[in-house]
Amino acid sequence: MSIDLQTVKKIASLSRISVTDAEAEAMVPELNNILGWVEQLGEVDVTGVEPMTAVIPNHLRLREDAVTDGNVRDKVLANAPQAEHGFFAVPKVIE
């Protein structure tokens, strides 16, 4: 795959980036080099290599999935402009 000047200008337009003609011309070989490296990566034999999600081993600390009310209702409602009967009170918006 090859990138030309029109493609660079189209990408810049789609991403809402202002690019002068000189900058666009300078990006053509850079983007073609990047695509060349990506094509080289596609040629690498990766049979038997497990996919990685991170460079270092990560282990999730799981907790029991239990539903609670948080036990902080009073603290949360203390920040409300107006509270009634343990709930946020808001102005009526639908008639």
N, C-alpha and C. Protein backbone atom coordinates (compact mmCIF):
# COMPACT_ATOMS: atom_id res chain seq x y z
N MET A 1 0.85 -1.18 0.00
CA MET A 1 0.00 0.00 0.00
C MET A 1 0.89 1.23 0.00
N SER A 2 0.47 2.22 -0.76
CA SER A 2 1.26 3.43 -0.86
C SER A 2 0.38 4.64 -0.60
N ILE A 3 0.96 5.60 0.08
CA ILE A 3 0.26 6.85 0.41
C ILE A 3 0.74 7.92 -0.56
N ASP A 4 -0.21 8.67 -1.13
CA ASP A 4 0.17 9.79 -2.00
C ASP A 4 -0.24 11.10 -1.33
N LEU A 5 0.06 12.20 -2.00
CA LEU A 5 -0.20 13.53 -1.45
C LEU A 5 -1.69 13.75 -1.20
N GLN A 6 -2.53 13.30 -2.10
CA GLN A 6 -3.97 13.46 -1.94
C GLN A 6 -4.48 12.72 -0.71
N THR A 7 -3.93 11.53 -0.45
CA THR A 7 -4.35 10.75 0.71
C THR A 7 -3.95 11.46 2.00
N VAL A 8 -2.77 12.03 2.04
CA VAL A 8 -2.31 12.77 3.22
C VAL A 8 -3.24 13.96 3.47
N LYS A 9 -3.59 14.68 2.42
CA LYS A 9 -4.49 15.83 2.58
C LYS A 9 -5.87 15.38 3.04
N LYS A 10 -6.34 14.25 2.53
CA LYS A 10 -7.65 13.73 2.93
C LYS A 10 -7.63 13.33 4.41
N ILE A 11 -6.57 12.65 4.84
CA ILE A 11 -6.45 12.26 6.25
C ILE A 11 -6.39 13.49 7.15
N ALA A 12 -5.65 14.50 6.73
CA ALA A 12 -5.56 15.74 7.51
C ALA A 12 -6.92 16.42 7.59
N SER A 13 -7.66 16.41 6.49
CA SER A 13 -8.98 17.02 6.49
C SER A 13 -9.93 16.26 7.41
N LEU A 14 -9.93 14.93 7.34
CA LEU A 14 -10.81 14.13 8.18
C LEU A 14 -10.49 14.29 9.66
N SER A 15 -9.21 14.47 9.98
CA SER A 15 -8.82 14.62 11.38
C SER A 15 -8.78 16.08 11.82
N ARG A 16 -9.23 16.96 10.95
CA ARG A 16 -9.33 18.38 11.27
C ARG A 16 -7.97 18.98 11.68
N ILE A 17 -6.93 18.59 10.94
CA ILE A 17 -5.59 19.11 11.19
C ILE A 17 -5.20 19.99 10.02
N SER A 18 -4.77 21.19 10.31
CA SER A 18 -4.33 22.10 9.26
C SER A 18 -2.91 21.73 8.84
N VAL A 19 -2.74 21.39 7.57
CA VAL A 19 -1.44 20.98 7.05
C VAL A 19 -1.15 21.77 5.79
N THR A 20 0.03 22.39 5.75
CA THR A 20 0.42 23.10 4.53
C THR A 20 0.84 22.09 3.46
N ASP A 21 0.96 22.56 2.23
CA ASP A 21 1.39 21.67 1.14
C ASP A 21 2.78 21.11 1.40
N ALA A 22 3.67 21.94 1.93
CA ALA A 22 5.04 21.47 2.21
C ALA A 22 5.04 20.41 3.30
N GLU A 23 4.21 20.60 4.34
CA GLU A 23 4.12 19.61 5.41
C GLU A 23 3.52 18.31 4.90
N ALA A 24 2.52 18.43 4.03
CA ALA A 24 1.90 17.23 3.47
C ALA A 24 2.89 16.45 2.62
N GLU A 25 3.66 17.16 1.83
CA GLU A 25 4.67 16.49 0.99
C GLU A 25 5.73 15.82 1.85
N ALA A 26 6.08 16.41 2.98
CA ALA A 26 7.07 15.80 3.87
C ALA A 26 6.50 14.57 4.57
N MET A 27 5.18 14.52 4.74
CA MET A 27 4.57 13.38 5.43
C MET A 27 4.42 12.16 4.53
N VAL A 28 4.40 12.35 3.23
CA VAL A 28 4.21 11.22 2.31
C VAL A 28 5.26 10.13 2.52
N PRO A 29 6.57 10.46 2.46
CA PRO A 29 7.55 9.38 2.66
C PRO A 29 7.54 8.83 4.09
N GLU A 30 7.24 9.69 5.07
CA GLU A 30 7.19 9.21 6.45
C GLU A 30 6.09 8.18 6.63
N LEU A 31 4.90 8.48 6.12
CA LEU A 31 3.79 7.55 6.24
C LEU A 31 4.04 6.28 5.44
N ASN A 32 4.67 6.40 4.28
CA ASN A 32 5.01 5.20 3.49
C ASN A 32 6.01 4.33 4.24
N ASN A 33 6.97 4.94 4.94
CA ASN A 33 7.92 4.16 5.75
C ASN A 33 7.21 3.43 6.88
N ILE A 34 6.27 4.10 7.53
CA ILE A 34 5.52 3.47 8.62
C ILE A 34 4.73 2.28 8.09
N LEU A 35 4.07 2.46 6.95
CA LEU A 35 3.31 1.35 6.36
C LEU A 35 4.24 0.21 5.94
N GLY A 36 5.45 0.55 5.51
CA GLY A 36 6.43 -0.48 5.17
C GLY A 36 6.81 -1.31 6.39
N TRP A 37 6.98 -0.66 7.52
CA TRP A 37 7.31 -1.39 8.76
C TRP A 37 6.15 -2.29 9.18
N VAL A 38 4.93 -1.80 9.01
CA VAL A 38 3.76 -2.61 9.36
C VAL A 38 3.69 -3.84 8.46
N GLU A 39 3.99 -3.67 7.18
CA GLU A 39 4.00 -4.81 6.26
C GLU A 39 5.09 -5.81 6.66
N GLN A 40 6.24 -5.33 7.12
CA GLN A 40 7.30 -6.22 7.58
C GLN A 40 6.85 -7.01 8.80
N LEU A 41 6.10 -6.39 9.69
CA LEU A 41 5.59 -7.10 10.85
C LEU A 41 4.64 -8.21 10.45
N GLY A 42 3.90 -8.01 9.38
CA GLY A 42 2.99 -9.04 8.89
C GLY A 42 3.71 -10.25 8.35
N GLU A 43 4.98 -10.11 7.98
CA GLU A 43 5.76 -11.22 7.43
C GLU A 43 6.41 -12.08 8.52
N VAL A 44 6.38 -11.63 9.76
CA VAL A 44 7.03 -12.36 10.85
C VAL A 44 6.24 -13.62 11.17
N ASP A 45 6.94 -14.75 11.33
CA ASP A 45 6.30 -16.01 11.68
C ASP A 45 6.04 -16.02 13.18
N VAL A 46 4.78 -16.02 13.57
CA VAL A 46 4.41 -15.97 14.97
C VAL A 46 3.70 -17.26 15.41
N THR A 47 3.88 -18.32 14.67
CA THR A 47 3.26 -19.58 15.06
C THR A 47 3.84 -20.04 16.39
N GLY A 48 2.98 -20.41 17.30
CA GLY A 48 3.40 -20.87 18.62
C GLY A 48 3.63 -19.76 19.62
N VAL A 49 3.45 -18.51 19.22
CA VAL A 49 3.63 -17.38 20.13
C VAL A 49 2.26 -16.96 20.64
N GLU A 50 2.10 -16.98 21.95
CA GLU A 50 0.81 -16.61 22.55
C GLU A 50 0.65 -15.09 22.52
N PRO A 51 -0.56 -14.62 22.26
CA PRO A 51 -0.79 -13.17 22.31
C PRO A 51 -0.58 -12.62 23.71
N MET A 52 -0.11 -11.38 23.78
CA MET A 52 0.13 -10.73 25.07
C MET A 52 -0.84 -9.57 25.25
N THR A 53 -1.25 -9.36 26.48
CA THR A 53 -2.04 -8.18 26.78
C THR A 53 -1.20 -7.12 27.48
N ALA A 54 -0.06 -7.53 28.04
CA ALA A 54 0.83 -6.60 28.72
C ALA A 54 2.24 -7.18 28.70
N VAL A 55 3.21 -6.32 28.90
CA VAL A 55 4.60 -6.75 28.91
C VAL A 55 4.95 -7.47 30.21
N ILE A 56 4.34 -7.04 31.30
CA ILE A 56 4.58 -7.67 32.59
C ILE A 56 3.35 -8.49 32.98
N PRO A 57 3.53 -9.54 33.76
CA PRO A 57 2.36 -10.33 34.15
C PRO A 57 1.45 -9.56 35.10
N ASN A 58 0.20 -9.50 34.76
CA ASN A 58 -0.79 -8.82 35.59
C ASN A 58 -1.81 -9.83 36.08
N HIS A 59 -2.13 -9.75 37.34
CA HIS A 59 -3.14 -10.63 37.91
C HIS A 59 -4.22 -9.75 38.53
N LEU A 60 -5.45 -9.98 38.11
CA LEU A 60 -6.55 -9.19 38.65
C LEU A 60 -6.88 -9.64 40.06
N ARG A 61 -7.05 -8.68 40.93
CA ARG A 61 -7.50 -8.99 42.27
C ARG A 61 -9.02 -8.97 42.25
N LEU A 62 -9.61 -10.14 42.30
CA LEU A 62 -11.06 -10.23 42.20
C LEU A 62 -11.69 -10.15 43.57
N ARG A 63 -12.86 -9.58 43.62
CA ARG A 63 -13.62 -9.53 44.85
C ARG A 63 -14.99 -10.11 44.57
N GLU A 64 -15.67 -10.44 45.61
CA GLU A 64 -17.01 -10.97 45.45
C GLU A 64 -17.91 -9.90 44.84
N ASP A 65 -18.70 -10.30 43.87
CA ASP A 65 -19.59 -9.37 43.20
C ASP A 65 -20.89 -9.31 43.98
N ALA A 66 -20.92 -8.42 44.95
CA ALA A 66 -22.09 -8.30 45.81
C ALA A 66 -22.70 -6.92 45.65
N VAL A 67 -24.00 -6.88 45.54
CA VAL A 67 -24.71 -5.62 45.40
C VAL A 67 -24.93 -5.02 46.78
N THR A 68 -24.51 -3.76 46.95
CA THR A 68 -24.73 -3.05 48.20
C THR A 68 -25.24 -1.66 47.88
N ASP A 69 -25.76 -1.00 48.88
CA ASP A 69 -26.20 0.37 48.66
C ASP A 69 -25.08 1.37 48.93
N GLY A 70 -23.93 0.88 49.31
CA GLY A 70 -22.78 1.74 49.55
C GLY A 70 -22.69 2.27 50.96
N ASN A 71 -23.81 2.25 51.66
CA ASN A 71 -23.85 2.69 53.06
C ASN A 71 -23.32 4.12 53.25
N VAL A 72 -23.47 4.96 52.24
CA VAL A 72 -23.01 6.34 52.36
C VAL A 72 -24.11 7.32 51.92
N ARG A 73 -25.36 6.92 52.04
CA ARG A 73 -26.46 7.77 51.57
C ARG A 73 -26.43 9.14 52.22
N ASP A 74 -26.22 9.19 53.50
CA ASP A 74 -26.24 10.49 54.19
C ASP A 74 -25.10 11.39 53.71
N LYS A 75 -23.92 10.82 53.46
CA LYS A 75 -22.80 11.62 52.97
C LYS A 75 -23.08 12.13 51.56
N VAL A 76 -23.68 11.28 50.72
CA VAL A 76 -23.98 11.70 49.35
C VAL A 76 -25.05 12.79 49.36
N LEU A 77 -26.08 12.59 50.14
CA LEU A 77 -27.16 13.58 50.18
C LEU A 77 -26.74 14.89 50.83
N ALA A 78 -25.67 14.87 51.60
CA ALA A 78 -25.16 16.11 52.20
C ALA A 78 -24.69 17.08 51.11
N ASN A 79 -24.32 16.56 49.94
CA ASN A 79 -23.86 17.40 48.84
C ASN A 79 -25.01 17.89 47.97
N ALA A 80 -26.20 17.36 48.16
CA ALA A 80 -27.34 17.73 47.33
C ALA A 80 -27.86 19.11 47.69
N PRO A 81 -28.27 19.88 46.70
CA PRO A 81 -28.86 21.18 47.00
C PRO A 81 -30.14 21.03 47.82
N GLN A 82 -30.89 19.97 47.51
CA GLN A 82 -32.13 19.72 48.24
C GLN A 82 -32.38 18.21 48.26
N ALA A 83 -32.69 17.68 49.45
CA ALA A 83 -32.99 16.26 49.59
C ALA A 83 -34.30 16.10 50.33
N GLU A 84 -35.09 15.09 49.92
CA GLU A 84 -36.36 14.81 50.57
C GLU A 84 -36.51 13.31 50.73
N HIS A 85 -36.81 12.86 51.93
CA HIS A 85 -37.09 11.46 52.22
C HIS A 85 -35.96 10.52 51.78
N GLY A 86 -34.74 10.98 51.89
CA GLY A 86 -33.60 10.14 51.54
C GLY A 86 -33.28 10.10 50.06
N PHE A 87 -33.82 11.01 49.26
CA PHE A 87 -33.58 11.06 47.83
C PHE A 87 -33.21 12.48 47.42
N PHE A 88 -32.58 12.62 46.24
CA PHE A 88 -32.33 13.94 45.68
C PHE A 88 -33.67 14.55 45.27
N ALA A 89 -33.88 15.80 45.60
CA ALA A 89 -35.08 16.50 45.16
C ALA A 89 -34.70 17.40 43.99
N VAL A 90 -35.42 17.24 42.89
CA VAL A 90 -35.12 18.03 41.71
C VAL A 90 -36.39 18.74 41.26
N PRO A 91 -36.27 19.85 40.56
CA PRO A 91 -37.45 20.57 40.10
C PRO A 91 -38.19 19.74 39.03
N LYS A 92 -39.47 19.91 39.00
CA LYS A 92 -40.31 19.22 38.02
C LYS A 92 -40.01 19.81 36.64
N VAL A 93 -39.74 18.94 35.66
CA VAL A 93 -39.42 19.42 34.33
C VAL A 93 -40.46 19.00 33.30
N ILE A 94 -41.33 18.07 33.65
CA ILE A 94 -42.38 17.61 32.74
C ILE A 94 -43.73 17.96 33.34
N GLU A 95 -44.60 18.54 32.55
CA GLU A 95 -45.92 18.90 33.07
C GLU A 95 -46.96 17.91 32.61
